[in-house]
Amino acid sequence: KQPPHECIVAFDNRHFVWNGPSKSGGDVLEFLHETTGWPRSLLEIQHENERFISVRSKSRILGGKGGFGANLKSQSRQAGARSTTTFGACRDLQGRRLRHVNDAVTAARVKEWKDKIAAGEATEIDQAKSLFMDTESGVPGWYLQLPSWSDVSKKEHRRWKRQFQVWKRDQDMERQWKEQEKQRKEARINHYVNKATQASDEARSSVQNALAEGLQKKKQELENPVDTDTSRSKRPKQHPDPPISLLTLSGDVVLAYENDYWQVQSQSNFCTFGVVLQPELIQQRMLNHTKVGLYWEVELITGGISQIGWGEPDSRRFKPNSETGDGVGDDSASYAYDGSRGITLHKSESEGYDNGSKNKRWKAGDIVGCMYDMTTGAISFSLNGTSLGTAYKLETHSGQNQDSSKGEASLASKVLFPAASCN
């Protein structure tokens, strides 16, 4: 009896061990038919030697290379099919996603355009047109080469162009609206500036006219003297020296003597001046009298904005500033009345002082009086001799009267001095 033949049989990516009485091809194929179920007629021996046999199938699969791709391409050209313009999921030869490579290129180009815009060499419209429309691929935002199988139609190009035109129109409308809003704002500012300039010019013109009339009147008096004393008539009238008690606190002030009065004209934004008092004399009168008060008055040449009243002789608290427009009544150490607006001011806080009647607003030629009753601590103002009532009530020497009408904290008893601010 002959020993069995043993060898390795390879088929369908698998390996089998064959032990048979002979190594004939028919026995091996029959063995694979029984083991794998493949029909024996479709099996054939491809290669064999003493220890190894390779078997393959003789069947054929219908179809061939290129058929499936051609089928997909033909379907993409059918009516109603949409062109593919997104290629970010594809990979290049280095294995990188194309969208990642395209994002890096986009970031570099955006930075370059921002530098141009900052340097004034381009606009945002130029940037959008370059990044959106002027691409090498023809696809908005895609700066790499298109795949060979892509098919971007002219219809897509027209759609992208319309989208860009709509965006550009919206940007132009927004920019035009901002420019118009800027012009309207500048027009409002110019309107207020012109109004303020006109008011200032009118005030300056009034003062100049008053001074010119005064000079003309003086000239006529000198040319036609009334006094029979020839020595006195030929001698020009002497003006008194400017009052040394008048002190400029902020801004520029010009003095002019007219009709036995000193006229004050502001040459700055909002000048402030005061009248220096002698506290020793006032304190002495307070000791010798039961009722003591201070009063001063001014005649208005023009009826513009002014803040007339009182200030405390404390430079650390009373700090008028012509540049910022702060004057009497704009801090805690001063009290003011503004008849053009019908208000009183203290600590920059204003309250109505005309009972809502515009008939009590001052005008050119009015006499404004300022009264400070040091006995009761009451501050009041008058217009053409008519009292407008108590505006503020300060603490007295006895410490009994508080500023209850204004809700103020108690103040140390001090001698106030006359002060006014005007433009």
Protein backbone atom coordinates (compact mmCIF):
# COMPACT_ATOMS: atom_id res chain seq x y z
CA LYS A 1 0.00 0.00 0.00
CA GLN A 2 1.39 3.42 -1.08
CA PRO A 3 1.64 6.22 1.57
CA PRO A 4 -0.79 9.23 1.13
CA HIS A 5 0.42 12.33 -0.67
CA GLU A 6 0.40 15.52 1.50
CA CYS A 7 0.57 19.08 0.10
CA ILE A 8 -0.79 22.66 0.54
CA VAL A 9 -3.61 23.80 -1.76
CA ALA A 10 -4.22 27.59 -2.24
CA PHE A 11 -7.61 28.79 -3.47
CA ASP A 12 -9.72 31.93 -3.02
CA ASN A 13 -7.20 33.52 -0.60
CA ARG A 14 -7.38 30.43 1.61
CA HIS A 15 -5.11 27.41 2.17
CA PHE A 16 -6.09 23.78 2.55
CA VAL A 17 -4.10 20.63 3.46
CA TRP A 18 -4.54 17.76 1.02
CA ASN A 19 -3.90 14.12 2.07
CA GLY A 20 -4.84 11.73 -0.66
CA PRO A 21 -3.77 8.48 -2.32
CA SER A 22 -2.42 10.44 -5.27
CA LYS A 23 -1.57 13.99 -6.28
CA SER A 24 -3.58 14.02 -9.48
CA GLY A 25 -5.34 17.22 -10.45
CA GLY A 26 -8.74 15.62 -10.59
CA ASP A 27 -8.55 14.44 -6.99
CA VAL A 28 -7.48 17.92 -5.78
CA LEU A 29 -10.26 19.69 -7.68
CA GLU A 30 -12.80 17.19 -6.37
CA PHE A 31 -11.53 17.85 -2.85
CA LEU A 32 -12.03 21.65 -3.28
CA HIS A 33 -15.49 21.10 -4.79
CA GLU A 34 -16.57 19.11 -1.71
CA THR A 35 -14.90 21.53 0.70
CA THR A 36 -15.87 24.97 -0.74
CA GLY A 37 -18.95 24.18 -2.83
CA TRP A 38 -17.46 25.68 -5.99
CA PRO A 39 -18.53 23.81 -9.18
CA ARG A 40 -15.73 21.53 -10.31
CA SER A 41 -16.14 22.67 -13.92
CA LEU A 42 -15.12 26.22 -12.92
CA LEU A 43 -11.90 25.18 -11.15
CA GLU A 44 -8.51 24.71 -12.74
CA ILE A 45 -4.96 24.19 -11.48
CA GLN A 46 -2.83 27.29 -12.03
CA HIS A 47 0.49 26.03 -10.58
CA GLU A 48 1.81 22.97 -8.78
CA ASN A 49 4.99 21.39 -7.44
CA GLU A 50 5.89 18.67 -4.94
CA ARG A 51 4.47 20.40 -1.87
CA PHE A 52 2.21 23.24 -3.22
CA ILE A 53 -0.76 23.49 -5.61
CA SER A 54 -2.45 26.76 -6.66
CA VAL A 55 -6.05 26.62 -7.93
CA ARG A 56 -8.11 29.45 -9.54
CA SER A 57 -11.64 29.87 -10.86
CA LYS A 58 -12.41 30.07 -14.55
CA SER A 59 -15.54 32.31 -14.17
CA ARG A 60 -15.77 35.88 -15.68
CA ILE A 61 -17.56 39.02 -14.30
CA LEU A 62 -19.59 41.13 -16.77
CA GLY A 63 -18.61 44.84 -17.20
CA GLY A 64 -15.23 46.52 -17.41
CA LYS A 65 -13.00 49.45 -16.45
CA GLY A 66 -14.48 52.94 -17.01
CA GLY A 67 -18.08 51.93 -17.32
CA PHE A 68 -19.16 53.12 -13.86
CA GLY A 69 -17.41 56.52 -14.08
CA ALA A 70 -18.81 57.19 -17.54
CA ASN A 71 -22.27 56.38 -16.20
CA LEU A 72 -21.95 58.91 -13.34
CA LYS A 73 -20.67 61.60 -15.69
CA SER A 74 -23.55 61.12 -18.09
CA GLN A 75 -26.04 61.39 -15.21
CA SER A 76 -24.52 64.71 -14.06
CA ARG A 77 -25.26 66.19 -17.49
CA GLN A 78 -28.89 65.26 -17.49
CA ALA A 79 -31.59 67.94 -17.12
CA GLY A 80 -32.11 69.08 -13.53
CA ALA A 81 -28.73 67.83 -12.29
CA ARG A 82 -26.79 70.32 -10.09
CA SER A 83 -23.11 71.01 -10.69
CA THR A 84 -20.72 70.21 -7.90
CA THR A 85 -18.75 73.27 -6.71
CA THR A 86 -17.60 71.97 -3.34
CA PHE A 87 -14.33 70.10 -3.47
CA GLY A 88 -13.15 70.56 0.13
CA ALA A 89 -13.49 66.88 1.03
CA CYS A 90 -11.01 65.80 -1.65
CA ARG A 91 -7.36 65.20 -0.77
CA ASP A 92 -4.15 66.22 -2.47
CA LEU A 93 -1.12 63.94 -3.04
CA GLN A 94 0.12 64.69 0.49
CA GLY A 95 -3.16 63.48 1.98
CA ARG A 96 -4.38 66.94 3.07
CA ARG A 97 -7.99 67.93 2.70
CA LEU A 98 -8.31 70.52 -0.05
CA ARG A 99 -10.50 72.75 2.11
CA HIS A 100 -7.69 73.00 4.68
CA VAL A 101 -5.21 74.04 1.99
CA ASN A 102 -7.71 76.53 0.56
CA ASP A 103 -8.38 78.02 4.03
CA ALA A 104 -4.67 78.69 4.47
CA VAL A 105 -4.50 80.46 1.12
CA THR A 106 -7.63 82.48 2.00
CA ALA A 107 -6.15 83.62 5.34
CA ALA A 108 -2.97 84.81 3.64
CA ARG A 109 -4.91 86.78 1.00
CA VAL A 110 -7.23 88.36 3.57
CA LYS A 111 -4.23 89.55 5.60
CA GLU A 112 -2.67 91.03 2.47
CA TRP A 113 -5.87 92.92 1.63
CA LYS A 114 -6.22 94.23 5.19
CA ASP A 115 -2.72 95.68 4.97
CA LYS A 116 -3.66 97.39 1.69
CA ILE A 117 -6.86 98.83 3.20
CA ALA A 118 -4.97 100.10 6.26
CA ALA A 119 -2.44 101.78 3.96
CA GLY A 120 -5.24 103.41 1.94
CA GLU A 121 -4.32 101.53 -1.23
CA ALA A 122 -7.66 99.68 -1.55
CA THR A 123 -11.24 99.60 -0.28
CA GLU A 124 -13.44 96.90 1.17
CA ILE A 125 -15.27 96.69 -2.16
CA ASP A 126 -11.98 95.91 -3.92
CA GLN A 127 -11.22 93.25 -1.33
CA ALA A 128 -14.61 91.57 -1.69
CA LYS A 129 -14.40 91.63 -5.49
CA SER A 130 -10.94 90.05 -5.48
CA LEU A 131 -11.73 87.38 -2.89
CA PHE A 132 -15.21 86.58 -4.18
CA MET A 133 -15.15 87.04 -7.94
CA ASP A 134 -11.58 87.32 -9.26
CA THR A 135 -10.44 83.78 -8.41
CA GLU A 136 -8.30 81.65 -10.70
CA SER A 137 -10.77 78.78 -10.50
CA GLY A 138 -13.84 80.91 -11.25
CA VAL A 139 -15.51 79.56 -8.10
CA PRO A 140 -16.03 82.17 -5.33
CA GLY A 141 -13.63 81.59 -2.46
CA TRP A 142 -11.80 78.68 -4.16
CA TYR A 143 -8.14 79.46 -4.97
CA LEU A 144 -6.90 75.97 -5.90
CA GLN A 145 -7.04 74.18 -9.22
CA LEU A 146 -10.39 72.56 -9.97
CA PRO A 147 -10.56 68.74 -10.23
CA SER A 148 -10.65 67.41 -13.77
CA TRP A 149 -14.13 66.03 -13.28
CA SER A 150 -15.66 69.37 -12.14
CA ASP A 151 -18.14 71.03 -14.46
CA VAL A 152 -19.04 74.63 -13.44
CA SER A 153 -21.66 76.03 -15.80
CA LYS A 154 -22.10 79.60 -16.97
CA LYS A 155 -25.39 79.65 -15.12
CA GLU A 156 -23.51 79.26 -11.82
CA HIS A 157 -21.19 82.14 -12.78
CA ARG A 158 -24.16 84.39 -13.50
CA ARG A 159 -25.74 83.49 -10.16
CA TRP A 160 -22.52 84.31 -8.25
CA LYS A 161 -22.22 87.59 -10.12
CA ARG A 162 -25.79 88.56 -9.18
CA GLN A 163 -25.08 87.75 -5.54
CA PHE A 164 -22.01 89.98 -5.58
CA GLN A 165 -23.93 92.83 -7.21
CA VAL A 166 -26.67 92.59 -4.56
CA TRP A 167 -24.07 92.65 -1.78
CA LYS A 168 -22.28 95.61 -3.36
CA ARG A 169 -25.55 97.52 -3.71
CA ASP A 170 -26.36 96.94 -0.03
CA GLN A 171 -22.88 98.12 0.95
CA ASP A 172 -23.22 101.26 -1.17
CA MET A 173 -26.62 102.04 0.35
CA GLU A 174 -25.29 101.59 3.89
CA ARG A 175 -22.25 103.75 3.16
CA GLN A 176 -24.47 106.44 1.60
CA TRP A 177 -26.78 106.39 4.64
CA LYS A 178 -23.80 106.79 7.01
CA GLU A 179 -22.49 109.70 4.95
CA GLN A 180 -25.88 111.40 4.99
CA GLU A 181 -26.17 110.88 8.75
CA LYS A 182 -22.72 112.39 9.19
CA GLN A 183 -23.71 115.39 7.10
CA ARG A 184 -26.94 115.85 9.10
CA LYS A 185 -24.96 115.73 12.35
CA GLU A 186 -22.45 118.27 11.07
CA ALA A 187 -25.33 120.48 9.90
CA ARG A 188 -26.89 120.39 13.40
CA ILE A 189 -23.57 121.24 15.02
CA ASN A 190 -22.97 124.08 12.55
CA HIS A 191 -26.48 125.36 13.23
CA TYR A 192 -25.85 125.56 16.99
CA VAL A 193 -22.42 127.10 16.45
CA ASN A 194 -23.86 129.70 14.08
CA LYS A 195 -26.61 130.52 16.57
CA ALA A 196 -24.08 130.94 19.37
CA THR A 197 -21.81 133.04 17.13
CA GLN A 198 -24.76 135.18 16.07
CA ALA A 199 -25.78 135.75 19.70
CA SER A 200 -22.20 136.63 20.61
CA ASP A 201 -21.92 139.01 17.65
CA GLU A 202 -25.20 140.68 18.59
CA ALA A 203 -24.01 141.11 22.19
CA ARG A 204 -20.67 142.54 21.03
CA SER A 205 -22.44 144.82 18.56
CA SER A 206 -24.77 146.11 21.27
CA VAL A 207 -21.83 146.92 23.55
CA GLN A 208 -19.93 148.59 20.72
CA ASN A 209 -22.99 150.63 19.73
CA ALA A 210 -23.46 151.71 23.32
CA LEU A 211 -19.81 152.72 23.57
CA ALA A 212 -19.99 154.54 20.22
CA GLU A 213 -23.10 156.46 21.32
CA GLY A 214 -21.38 157.40 24.55
CA LEU A 215 -18.29 158.66 22.76
CA GLN A 216 -20.45 160.64 20.34
CA LYS A 217 -22.34 162.18 23.21
CA LYS A 218 -19.13 163.14 24.95
CA LYS A 219 -17.84 164.68 21.74
CA GLN A 220 -20.99 166.77 21.42
CA GLU A 221 -20.70 167.91 25.03
CA LEU A 222 -17.11 168.96 24.43
CA GLU A 223 -18.02 170.81 21.22
CA ASN A 224 -21.12 172.49 22.71
CA PRO A 225 -20.39 173.08 26.36
CA VAL A 226 -23.26 174.32 28.54
CA ASP A 227 -21.13 175.68 31.35
CA THR A 228 -20.52 179.47 31.07
CA ASP A 229 -17.16 179.04 32.71
CA THR A 230 -14.85 178.94 29.68
CA SER A 231 -12.03 177.47 31.68
CA ARG A 232 -14.19 174.56 32.80
CA SER A 233 -15.87 174.02 29.39
CA LYS A 234 -12.59 173.71 27.55
CA ARG A 235 -11.27 171.22 30.07
CA PRO A 236 -12.24 167.61 29.00
CA LYS A 237 -14.21 165.58 31.47
CA GLN A 238 -12.05 163.23 33.51
CA HIS A 239 -13.05 159.57 33.88
CA PRO A 240 -12.63 157.99 37.30
CA ASP A 241 -10.06 155.28 37.77
CA PRO A 242 -11.32 151.71 37.36
CA PRO A 243 -12.55 150.26 40.64
CA ILE A 244 -9.78 148.37 42.39
CA SER A 245 -12.38 146.17 44.06
CA LEU A 246 -13.41 144.64 40.71
CA LEU A 247 -11.49 141.38 40.23
CA THR A 248 -11.39 139.09 37.17
CA LEU A 249 -11.71 135.47 38.33
CA SER A 250 -11.77 133.66 34.95
CA GLY A 251 -11.52 134.68 31.29
CA ASP A 252 -10.95 138.17 29.85
CA VAL A 253 -12.96 141.26 30.89
CA VAL A 254 -13.01 144.72 29.26
CA LEU A 255 -14.19 147.79 31.24
CA ALA A 256 -15.74 150.91 29.77
CA TYR A 257 -17.08 153.94 31.69
CA GLU A 258 -20.40 155.25 30.37
CA ASN A 259 -23.12 157.44 31.95
CA ASP A 260 -21.48 157.35 35.36
CA TYR A 261 -21.41 153.54 35.30
CA TRP A 262 -18.73 151.00 34.60
CA GLN A 263 -19.70 148.60 31.83
CA VAL A 264 -18.30 145.06 31.77
CA GLN A 265 -17.85 143.20 28.49
CA SER A 266 -16.62 139.60 28.13
CA GLN A 267 -13.88 138.85 25.61
CA SER A 268 -13.82 135.09 26.31
CA ASN A 269 -16.15 132.13 26.29
CA PHE A 270 -17.69 132.67 29.76
CA CYS A 271 -15.80 135.14 31.93
CA THR A 272 -16.36 135.51 35.68
CA PHE A 273 -15.67 138.61 37.79
CA GLY A 274 -16.27 139.54 41.41
CA VAL A 275 -16.28 142.50 43.77
CA VAL A 276 -13.84 142.32 46.68
CA LEU A 277 -15.33 143.23 50.06
CA GLN A 278 -13.81 144.00 53.46
CA PRO A 279 -14.93 141.22 55.82
CA GLU A 280 -13.70 143.16 58.89
CA LEU A 281 -16.14 146.01 58.31
CA ILE A 282 -19.01 143.60 57.73
CA GLN A 283 -18.21 141.64 60.89
CA GLN A 284 -18.09 144.88 62.85
CA ARG A 285 -21.53 145.91 61.56
CA MET A 286 -22.87 142.49 62.49
CA LEU A 287 -21.76 143.04 66.07
CA ASN A 288 -23.31 146.51 66.27
CA HIS A 289 -26.60 145.86 64.43
CA THR A 290 -29.35 143.29 64.80
CA LYS A 291 -30.00 143.14 61.04
CA VAL A 292 -27.20 143.06 58.49
CA GLY A 293 -27.37 142.38 54.76
CA LEU A 294 -25.50 142.80 51.48
CA TYR A 295 -27.00 144.11 48.26
CA TRP A 296 -25.66 144.82 44.79
CA GLU A 297 -27.27 145.31 41.40
CA VAL A 298 -26.35 145.40 37.73
CA GLU A 299 -27.98 146.88 34.62
CA LEU A 300 -28.10 144.53 31.64
CA ILE A 301 -26.77 145.93 28.38
CA THR A 302 -27.91 142.78 26.56
CA GLY A 303 -30.37 140.10 27.57
CA GLY A 304 -28.21 137.03 26.94
CA ILE A 305 -27.20 134.25 29.27
CA SER A 306 -25.54 135.42 32.49
CA GLN A 307 -25.24 133.96 35.99
CA ILE A 308 -25.37 136.71 38.60
CA GLY A 309 -25.18 136.20 42.34
CA TRP A 310 -22.79 135.43 45.16
CA GLY A 311 -19.63 133.44 45.80
CA GLU A 312 -17.70 132.29 48.85
CA PRO A 313 -14.15 133.65 49.29
CA ASP A 314 -12.67 130.14 49.14
CA SER A 315 -10.51 129.53 46.06
CA ARG A 316 -10.37 125.80 46.77
CA ARG A 317 -14.14 125.46 46.32
CA PHE A 318 -15.12 128.37 44.08
CA LYS A 319 -13.27 127.65 40.80
CA PRO A 320 -14.88 129.26 37.75
CA ASN A 321 -13.41 128.22 34.39
CA SER A 322 -14.05 130.14 31.17
CA GLU A 323 -12.80 127.32 28.93
CA THR A 324 -15.23 124.72 30.33
CA GLY A 325 -18.08 127.23 30.72
CA ASP A 326 -18.24 126.90 34.52
CA GLY A 327 -19.26 130.11 36.31
CA VAL A 328 -21.19 131.36 39.31
CA GLY A 329 -23.61 128.68 40.55
CA ASP A 330 -21.78 125.78 38.93
CA ASP A 331 -20.13 124.60 42.18
CA SER A 332 -20.96 124.23 45.87
CA ALA A 333 -19.43 127.61 46.83
CA SER A 334 -21.58 129.96 44.71
CA TYR A 335 -25.22 130.87 44.09
CA ALA A 336 -26.60 132.46 40.92
CA TYR A 337 -29.70 133.69 39.10
CA ASP A 338 -30.10 133.43 35.31
CA GLY A 339 -33.10 135.47 34.20
CA SER A 340 -32.74 134.53 30.52
CA ARG A 341 -33.70 130.98 31.44
CA GLY A 342 -35.69 131.80 34.58
CA ILE A 343 -33.64 129.57 36.90
CA THR A 344 -31.38 129.65 39.94
CA LEU A 345 -28.15 127.63 40.06
CA HIS A 346 -26.12 125.99 42.82
CA LYS A 347 -23.80 122.97 42.46
CA SER A 348 -24.70 122.99 38.73
CA GLU A 349 -28.27 122.14 39.77
CA SER A 350 -30.95 124.47 38.43
CA GLU A 351 -34.50 125.15 39.62
CA GLY A 352 -37.24 127.28 38.13
CA TYR A 353 -37.39 130.82 39.52
CA ASP A 354 -40.09 132.51 37.46
CA ASN A 355 -43.19 130.44 38.37
CA GLY A 356 -43.39 129.36 34.71
CA SER A 357 -44.02 132.92 33.49
CA LYS A 358 -41.86 134.06 30.60
CA ASN A 359 -42.87 137.65 31.40
CA LYS A 360 -40.33 137.52 34.23
CA ARG A 361 -37.41 136.74 31.92
CA TRP A 362 -34.91 139.58 31.81
CA LYS A 363 -34.03 141.64 28.76
CA ALA A 364 -31.69 144.44 27.79
CA GLY A 365 -32.01 147.47 30.10
CA ASP A 366 -33.39 145.53 33.11
CA ILE A 367 -32.00 146.04 36.62
CA VAL A 368 -31.08 142.80 38.45
CA GLY A 369 -30.70 143.03 42.24
CA CYS A 370 -28.98 140.48 44.48
CA MET A 371 -29.81 140.47 48.22
CA TYR A 372 -28.09 138.44 50.95
CA ASP A 373 -29.71 138.73 54.41
CA MET A 374 -26.92 137.70 56.79
CA THR A 375 -29.34 137.71 59.71
CA THR A 376 -31.63 135.01 58.35
CA GLY A 377 -29.23 133.51 55.74
CA ALA A 378 -31.72 134.15 52.92
CA ILE A 379 -30.52 134.81 49.36
CA SER A 380 -33.02 136.48 47.04
CA PHE A 381 -33.05 138.27 43.72
CA SER A 382 -35.12 141.06 42.20
CA LEU A 383 -35.91 142.20 38.67
CA ASN A 384 -36.55 145.92 38.10
CA GLY A 385 -37.20 146.40 41.82
CA THR A 386 -39.66 143.48 42.14
CA SER A 387 -38.52 140.72 44.47
CA LEU A 388 -38.64 137.21 43.00
CA GLY A 389 -38.65 135.58 46.45
CA THR A 390 -36.13 133.61 48.49
CA ALA A 391 -33.94 131.39 46.32
CA TYR A 392 -31.66 129.86 48.99
CA LYS A 393 -31.47 129.91 52.77
CA LEU A 394 -28.11 129.29 54.42
CA GLU A 395 -27.09 128.51 57.95
CA THR A 396 -26.86 131.53 60.26
CA HIS A 397 -24.42 132.27 63.07
CA SER A 398 -26.78 130.72 65.59
CA GLY A 399 -26.89 127.49 63.55
CA GLN A 400 -30.68 127.35 63.76
CA ASN A 401 -31.68 128.01 60.14
CA GLN A 402 -30.91 125.25 57.66
CA ASP A 403 -31.22 125.27 53.88
CA SER A 404 -34.46 123.33 54.06
CA SER A 405 -35.88 124.66 50.79
CA LYS A 406 -32.98 123.20 48.80
CA GLY A 407 -32.20 120.16 50.90
CA GLU A 408 -28.58 121.37 51.40
CA ALA A 409 -26.27 120.34 54.23
CA SER A 410 -25.40 123.01 56.83
CA LEU A 411 -22.83 125.57 55.66
CA ALA A 412 -20.37 127.47 57.79
CA SER A 413 -21.39 131.12 58.13
CA LYS A 414 -19.29 133.14 55.71
CA VAL A 415 -19.38 136.53 54.13
CA LEU A 416 -20.35 136.15 50.49
CA PHE A 417 -19.03 138.51 47.84
CA PRO A 418 -20.77 139.67 44.63
CA ALA A 419 -19.88 137.64 41.54
CA ALA A 420 -21.20 137.25 38.00
CA SER A 421 -20.47 135.26 34.82
CA CYS A 422 -21.35 136.34 31.28
CA ASN A 423 -20.46 135.69 27.66
